[in-house]
Protein backbone atom coordinates (compact mmCIF):
# COMPACT_ATOMS: atom_id res chain seq x y z
CA UNK A 1 -99.16 -23.33 -5.08
CA UNK A 2 -98.62 -25.29 -1.83
CA UNK A 3 -98.55 -29.05 -1.94
CA UNK A 4 -101.72 -30.61 -0.59
CA UNK A 5 -101.47 -32.73 2.52
CA UNK A 6 -101.41 -36.45 1.76
CA UNK A 7 -104.53 -38.49 2.43
CA UNK A 8 -104.59 -40.08 5.87
CA UNK A 9 -104.00 -43.59 4.46
CA UNK A 10 -100.92 -42.45 2.56
CA UNK A 11 -99.47 -40.84 5.66
CA UNK A 12 -99.72 -44.22 7.42
CA UNK A 13 -97.68 -45.84 4.64
CA UNK A 14 -100.69 -47.43 2.98
CA UNK A 15 -100.90 -46.31 -0.62
CA UNK A 16 -103.32 -47.30 -3.32
CA UNK A 17 -104.78 -50.77 -3.00
CA UNK A 18 -102.77 -53.46 -4.77
CA UNK A 19 -105.73 -54.06 -7.07
CA UNK A 20 -105.39 -50.48 -8.36
CA UNK A 21 -101.91 -51.19 -9.73
CA UNK A 22 -101.49 -52.50 -13.26
CA UNK A 23 -99.48 -55.63 -14.00
CA UNK A 24 -96.68 -53.42 -15.35
CA UNK A 25 -96.67 -51.30 -12.18
CA UNK A 26 -96.48 -54.41 -9.99
CA UNK A 27 -93.61 -55.71 -12.13
CA UNK A 28 -91.79 -52.39 -11.78
CA UNK A 29 -92.37 -52.42 -8.02
CA UNK A 30 -91.07 -55.97 -7.69
CA UNK A 31 -87.98 -55.13 -9.76
CA UNK A 32 -87.32 -52.10 -7.58
CA UNK A 33 -87.71 -54.07 -4.37
CA UNK A 34 -85.27 -56.69 -5.70
CA UNK A 35 -82.77 -53.90 -6.39
CA UNK A 36 -83.21 -52.52 -2.88
CA UNK A 37 -82.73 -56.01 -1.37
CA UNK A 38 -79.53 -56.50 -3.38
CA UNK A 39 -78.28 -53.09 -2.32
CA UNK A 40 -78.91 -53.86 1.35
CA UNK A 41 -77.28 -57.28 1.27
CA UNK A 42 -74.27 -56.22 -0.81
CA UNK A 43 -73.41 -53.11 1.22
CA UNK A 44 -69.87 -53.71 2.43
CA UNK A 45 -69.46 -52.70 6.06
CA UNK A 46 -67.77 -54.17 9.08
CA UNK A 47 -70.39 -56.54 10.55
CA UNK A 48 -70.76 -54.87 13.91
CA UNK A 49 -73.82 -55.60 16.03
CA UNK A 50 -75.41 -52.28 15.07
CA UNK A 51 -74.77 -52.79 11.33
CA UNK A 52 -76.23 -56.29 11.44
CA UNK A 53 -79.26 -55.08 13.44
CA UNK A 54 -79.85 -52.18 11.05
CA UNK A 55 -79.57 -54.43 7.98
CA UNK A 56 -81.89 -57.02 9.53
CA UNK A 57 -84.48 -54.34 10.35
CA UNK A 58 -84.33 -52.97 6.80
CA UNK A 59 -84.70 -56.45 5.31
CA UNK A 60 -87.66 -57.13 7.61
CA UNK A 61 -89.34 -53.93 6.42
CA UNK A 62 -88.67 -54.95 2.83
CA UNK A 63 -90.25 -58.37 3.43
CA UNK A 64 -93.30 -56.60 4.91
CA UNK A 65 -93.62 -54.50 1.76
CA UNK A 66 -93.34 -57.60 -0.39
CA UNK A 67 -96.11 -59.29 1.59
CA UNK A 68 -98.27 -56.15 1.36
CA UNK A 69 -98.05 -56.23 -2.43
CA UNK A 70 -98.60 -59.97 -2.65
CA UNK A 71 -95.03 -60.83 -3.55
CA UNK A 72 -93.18 -63.78 -2.11
CA UNK A 73 -90.59 -62.45 0.40
CA UNK A 74 -87.11 -63.80 -0.28
């Protein structure tokens, strides 16, 4: 059976409303985002301009996700 196309909102990166997530789901999401942040900041690479720009962009996207889910960006 083919996989159904995602709803339009999901394809824009907007999933279920925050209110639809349980406290446990929000906790799991926050823990996962903390892990991702640690992974991004602890990745050992030569700090070239492109590496720094890429890392900064990824951290900015992470902060946007945190704001979207009502978490305090770090």
